[in-house]
Amino acid sequence: MTTEAPRIILQGVHKRYQGRDVVHGIDLTVAPGEVVGLIGPNGCGKTTLLRIVAGLVQPTAGTVTVGGRQLADLPGGVPEGLGVLFDPPGLLPHLSGFANLSMLASIRRVMTDTEVRAWMQRVRLNPDDKKRVGAYSQGMVQRLGIAQALMEAPDVLLLDEPTNALDPDGVELVASLIGEAQSRGAAILVASHYLEEVSRVCTRVLKIAEGRLIGAAREDLVRTPAPELP
């Protein structure tokens, strides 16, 4: 296992909405090259937890550290070097798939249009298709969201139901892309209610219920540990 410091550190993270505890006392670390799965039914708090790590939801209590910096100390509370996929993906429905990704790439200016086109082809979408995203099938939207999350090689990757609406070919593609991100040292959190699919790509799988982490979910299904990093 890598000896590098964890890229994600949650300490006593709590979130309360309208008198209800949605996330309760979460302690969790994710190291470089580690893929941690969060398994639980809809409404158990796993998506809220990912949104807290992404800086999109402020915790009621506790600290969140991403890439060595507490989110509370960051301007806007949003970490850099982050790739996210939420359900549904955050895409502009009136633009084409290529226009969506090109616009996002222009913000950080680390990718060329040629590289954006290559990523669309990697997720088996046509970058020359002028159809607006609002007319895409659910599976096409999901593939585009995966490209959006991964294309800039983020150090931290948050994936909420990454195989949603995908056919078996798409599920295999997601597994391959997560493996590539893991091998280059990304710290990855995957939230899902599909244990069998998540356990194929994760180094740890944890169960979450009523906003609490309650231990490993069938450790016999968890794959090999994270690779050594140079």
Protein backbone atom coordinates (compact mmCIF):
# COMPACT_ATOMS: atom_id res chain seq x y z
CA MET A 1 0.00 0.00 0.00
CA THR A 2 1.09 3.58 -0.62
CA THR A 3 2.52 5.52 2.33
CA GLU A 4 1.34 8.86 0.95
CA ALA A 5 -1.02 10.91 3.10
CA PRO A 6 -4.74 10.34 2.46
CA ARG A 7 -6.26 12.61 -0.16
CA ILE A 8 -9.68 12.53 1.53
CA ILE A 9 -10.05 12.81 5.31
CA LEU A 10 -13.43 13.04 7.03
CA GLN A 11 -13.48 13.57 10.78
CA GLY A 12 -16.74 13.52 12.71
CA VAL A 13 -18.70 14.71 9.68
CA HIS A 14 -22.36 15.36 10.46
CA LYS A 15 -25.15 16.83 8.37
CA ARG A 16 -28.59 17.73 9.66
CA TYR A 17 -31.49 18.78 7.42
CA GLN A 18 -34.70 20.14 8.92
CA GLY A 19 -34.24 18.33 12.20
CA ARG A 20 -33.15 15.05 10.59
CA ASP A 21 -29.66 13.55 10.72
CA VAL A 22 -28.72 12.68 7.14
CA VAL A 23 -25.02 12.03 7.80
CA HIS A 24 -23.94 11.17 11.32
CA GLY A 25 -20.40 11.10 12.74
CA ILE A 26 -18.55 9.89 9.64
CA ASP A 27 -14.81 9.18 9.96
CA LEU A 28 -13.20 8.06 6.70
CA THR A 29 -9.90 8.32 4.84
CA VAL A 30 -9.13 7.54 1.19
CA ALA A 31 -5.50 7.25 0.15
CA PRO A 32 -3.97 7.75 -3.30
CA GLY A 33 -4.62 4.68 -5.41
CA GLU A 34 -7.50 3.55 -3.20
CA VAL A 35 -11.06 2.95 -4.43
CA VAL A 36 -13.61 3.01 -1.61
CA GLY A 37 -17.17 1.93 -2.27
CA LEU A 38 -20.14 3.20 -0.25
CA ILE A 39 -23.06 0.80 -0.45
CA GLY A 40 -26.57 1.51 0.75
CA PRO A 41 -30.17 2.06 -0.33
CA ASN A 42 -31.51 5.33 -1.68
CA GLY A 43 -31.79 7.93 1.05
CA CYS A 44 -29.12 6.42 3.30
CA GLY A 45 -26.83 9.49 3.05
CA LYS A 46 -24.19 8.32 0.58
CA THR A 47 -24.90 11.01 -2.04
CA THR A 48 -24.98 13.71 0.63
CA LEU A 49 -21.61 12.50 1.86
CA LEU A 50 -20.12 12.76 -1.63
CA ARG A 51 -21.56 16.26 -2.02
CA ILE A 52 -19.94 17.25 1.27
CA VAL A 53 -16.56 16.03 0.02
CA ALA A 54 -17.11 17.96 -3.22
CA GLY A 55 -17.76 21.16 -1.27
CA LEU A 56 -21.31 21.41 -2.61
CA VAL A 57 -22.92 20.83 0.80
CA GLN A 58 -21.59 22.28 4.04
CA PRO A 59 -21.43 19.85 6.99
CA THR A 60 -23.23 20.78 10.18
CA ALA A 61 -20.21 19.57 12.15
CA GLY A 62 -16.85 17.92 11.59
CA THR A 63 -13.95 18.60 9.23
CA VAL A 64 -13.36 17.67 5.59
CA THR A 65 -9.84 17.66 4.16
CA VAL A 66 -9.24 17.12 0.44
CA GLY A 67 -5.77 17.19 -1.04
CA GLY A 68 -4.24 18.30 2.24
CA ARG A 69 -6.49 21.33 2.74
CA GLN A 70 -9.58 21.70 4.87
CA LEU A 71 -12.54 22.74 2.76
CA ALA A 72 -13.53 25.33 5.35
CA ASP A 73 -10.29 27.18 4.57
CA LEU A 74 -10.75 27.23 0.79
CA PRO A 75 -12.27 30.16 -1.12
CA GLY A 76 -15.79 28.99 -1.95
CA GLY A 77 -15.13 25.75 -0.09
CA VAL A 78 -14.57 23.79 -3.32
CA PRO A 79 -11.34 21.76 -3.71
CA GLU A 80 -9.19 21.74 -6.83
CA GLY A 81 -8.19 18.64 -8.77
CA LEU A 82 -11.61 17.08 -8.30
CA GLY A 83 -13.65 15.00 -10.74
CA VAL A 84 -17.33 14.41 -9.92
CA LEU A 85 -20.22 12.45 -11.33
CA PHE A 86 -23.59 12.85 -9.67
CA ASP A 87 -26.91 11.35 -10.66
CA PRO A 88 -27.99 12.91 -12.95
CA PRO A 89 -24.77 14.41 -14.39
CA GLY A 90 -24.56 18.20 -14.33
CA LEU A 91 -24.75 18.95 -18.05
CA LEU A 92 -26.34 21.77 -20.06
CA PRO A 93 -29.22 20.22 -22.02
CA HIS A 94 -29.30 22.84 -24.79
CA LEU A 95 -25.70 22.22 -25.85
CA SER A 96 -24.17 19.29 -27.72
CA GLY A 97 -22.02 16.77 -25.89
CA PHE A 98 -18.82 18.21 -27.35
CA ALA A 99 -19.87 21.78 -26.49
CA ASN A 100 -20.51 20.74 -22.88
CA LEU A 101 -17.10 19.17 -22.44
CA SER A 102 -15.28 21.90 -24.38
CA MET A 103 -16.83 24.60 -22.21
CA LEU A 104 -15.77 22.77 -19.03
CA ALA A 105 -12.25 22.23 -20.42
CA SER A 106 -11.93 25.96 -21.09
CA ILE A 107 -12.25 26.75 -17.38
CA ARG A 108 -8.98 25.12 -16.28
CA ARG A 109 -7.32 25.24 -19.72
CA VAL A 110 -5.51 21.95 -19.30
CA MET A 111 -7.14 20.19 -22.27
CA THR A 112 -7.33 20.92 -25.97
CA ASP A 113 -10.37 20.36 -28.15
CA THR A 114 -8.53 17.44 -29.70
CA GLU A 115 -8.22 15.82 -26.27
CA VAL A 116 -11.89 16.50 -25.55
CA ARG A 117 -12.82 14.77 -28.79
CA ALA A 118 -10.63 11.82 -27.85
CA TRP A 119 -12.40 11.49 -24.51
CA MET A 120 -15.80 11.48 -26.16
CA GLN A 121 -14.60 8.69 -28.40
CA ARG A 122 -13.26 6.81 -25.37
CA VAL A 123 -16.76 6.71 -23.86
CA ARG A 124 -18.08 5.75 -27.31
CA LEU A 125 -19.83 9.00 -28.18
CA ASN A 126 -19.45 10.89 -31.47
CA PRO A 127 -17.89 14.33 -30.92
CA ASP A 128 -19.32 15.48 -34.27
CA ASP A 129 -22.88 14.69 -33.23
CA LYS A 130 -24.66 18.06 -33.05
CA LYS A 131 -27.63 16.68 -31.15
CA ARG A 132 -28.26 18.58 -27.93
CA VAL A 133 -27.71 16.68 -24.69
CA GLY A 134 -31.37 17.14 -23.80
CA ALA A 135 -32.18 14.73 -26.64
CA TYR A 136 -29.63 12.10 -25.50
CA SER A 137 -30.70 8.75 -24.10
CA GLN A 138 -30.01 8.18 -20.39
CA GLY A 139 -27.09 5.94 -21.24
CA MET A 140 -25.53 8.59 -23.50
CA VAL A 141 -25.91 11.22 -20.78
CA GLN A 142 -24.20 8.89 -18.31
CA ARG A 143 -21.29 8.23 -20.69
CA LEU A 144 -20.84 11.97 -21.20
CA GLY A 145 -20.92 12.54 -17.45
CA ILE A 146 -18.21 9.92 -17.00
CA ALA A 147 -16.02 11.68 -19.57
CA GLN A 148 -16.64 14.99 -17.80
CA ALA A 149 -15.54 13.54 -14.44
CA LEU A 150 -12.42 11.77 -15.69
CA MET A 151 -11.06 13.72 -18.63
CA GLU A 152 -8.81 16.10 -16.67
CA ALA A 153 -7.11 13.27 -14.70
CA PRO A 154 -8.32 14.44 -11.27
CA ASP A 155 -6.45 13.53 -8.08
CA VAL A 156 -9.77 12.92 -6.31
CA LEU A 157 -12.72 11.25 -8.03
CA LEU A 158 -16.28 11.12 -6.65
CA LEU A 159 -18.69 8.86 -8.51
CA ASP A 160 -22.37 8.60 -7.60
CA GLU A 161 -24.08 5.58 -9.22
CA PRO A 162 -21.55 5.53 -12.10
CA THR A 163 -23.17 2.57 -13.90
CA ASN A 164 -26.68 4.03 -13.84
CA ALA A 165 -28.53 3.47 -17.17
CA LEU A 166 -25.52 1.78 -18.76
CA ASP A 167 -25.62 -1.44 -20.77
CA PRO A 168 -23.11 -4.25 -20.00
CA ASP A 169 -20.59 -2.70 -22.40
CA GLY A 170 -20.86 0.60 -20.54
CA VAL A 171 -20.44 -1.11 -17.17
CA GLU A 172 -17.23 -2.73 -18.40
CA LEU A 173 -16.03 0.63 -19.70
CA VAL A 174 -16.59 2.29 -16.32
CA ALA A 175 -14.70 -0.48 -14.55
CA SER A 176 -11.77 -0.06 -16.94
CA LEU A 177 -11.66 3.73 -16.55
CA ILE A 178 -11.82 3.51 -12.75
CA GLY A 179 -8.94 1.03 -12.87
CA GLU A 180 -6.89 3.47 -14.95
CA ALA A 181 -7.59 6.31 -12.52
CA GLN A 182 -6.61 4.08 -9.60
CA SER A 183 -3.37 3.02 -11.28
CA ARG A 184 -2.24 6.64 -11.68
CA GLY A 185 -2.90 7.29 -7.98
CA ALA A 186 -6.32 8.93 -7.81
CA ALA A 187 -8.26 8.64 -4.56
CA ILE A 188 -11.73 7.43 -5.53
CA LEU A 189 -15.07 7.30 -3.71
CA VAL A 190 -17.87 5.35 -5.41
CA ALA A 191 -21.45 5.42 -4.10
CA SER A 192 -23.93 2.82 -5.30
CA HIS A 193 -26.60 0.37 -4.25
CA TYR A 194 -25.19 -2.34 -6.56
CA LEU A 195 -22.75 -4.28 -4.37
CA GLU A 196 -21.66 -6.76 -7.03
CA GLU A 197 -20.70 -4.03 -9.51
CA VAL A 198 -18.94 -1.79 -7.00
CA SER A 199 -16.98 -4.64 -5.42
CA ARG A 200 -15.37 -5.41 -8.80
CA VAL A 201 -13.43 -2.15 -8.78
CA CYS A 202 -13.06 -1.27 -5.09
CA THR A 203 -10.24 -1.93 -2.66
CA ARG A 204 -12.70 -1.43 0.22
CA VAL A 205 -16.49 -1.57 0.32
CA LEU A 206 -18.28 0.03 3.26
CA LYS A 207 -21.95 -0.12 4.15
CA ILE A 208 -23.82 3.05 5.01
CA ALA A 209 -27.24 3.04 6.67
CA GLU A 210 -29.25 5.95 8.06
CA GLY A 211 -26.26 8.23 7.61
CA ARG A 212 -23.78 6.04 9.52
CA LEU A 213 -20.90 3.88 8.32
CA ILE A 214 -21.58 0.47 9.82
CA GLY A 215 -18.61 -1.54 8.59
CA ALA A 216 -17.45 -3.58 5.64
CA ALA A 217 -19.95 -4.94 3.15
CA ARG A 218 -19.08 -8.58 2.40
CA GLU A 219 -15.32 -8.37 2.47
CA ASP A 220 -15.16 -11.63 0.50
CA LEU A 221 -16.19 -9.59 -2.56
CA VAL A 222 -13.54 -6.90 -2.19
CA ARG A 223 -10.80 -7.06 -4.79
CA THR A 224 -7.05 -6.70 -4.53
CA PRO A 225 -5.52 -3.84 -2.51
CA ALA A 226 -4.43 -0.56 -4.05
CA PRO A 227 -1.21 -0.74 -6.10
CA GLU A 228 2.13 0.61 -4.93
CA LEU A 229 2.78 4.12 -6.20
CA PRO A 230 6.21 5.22 -7.42
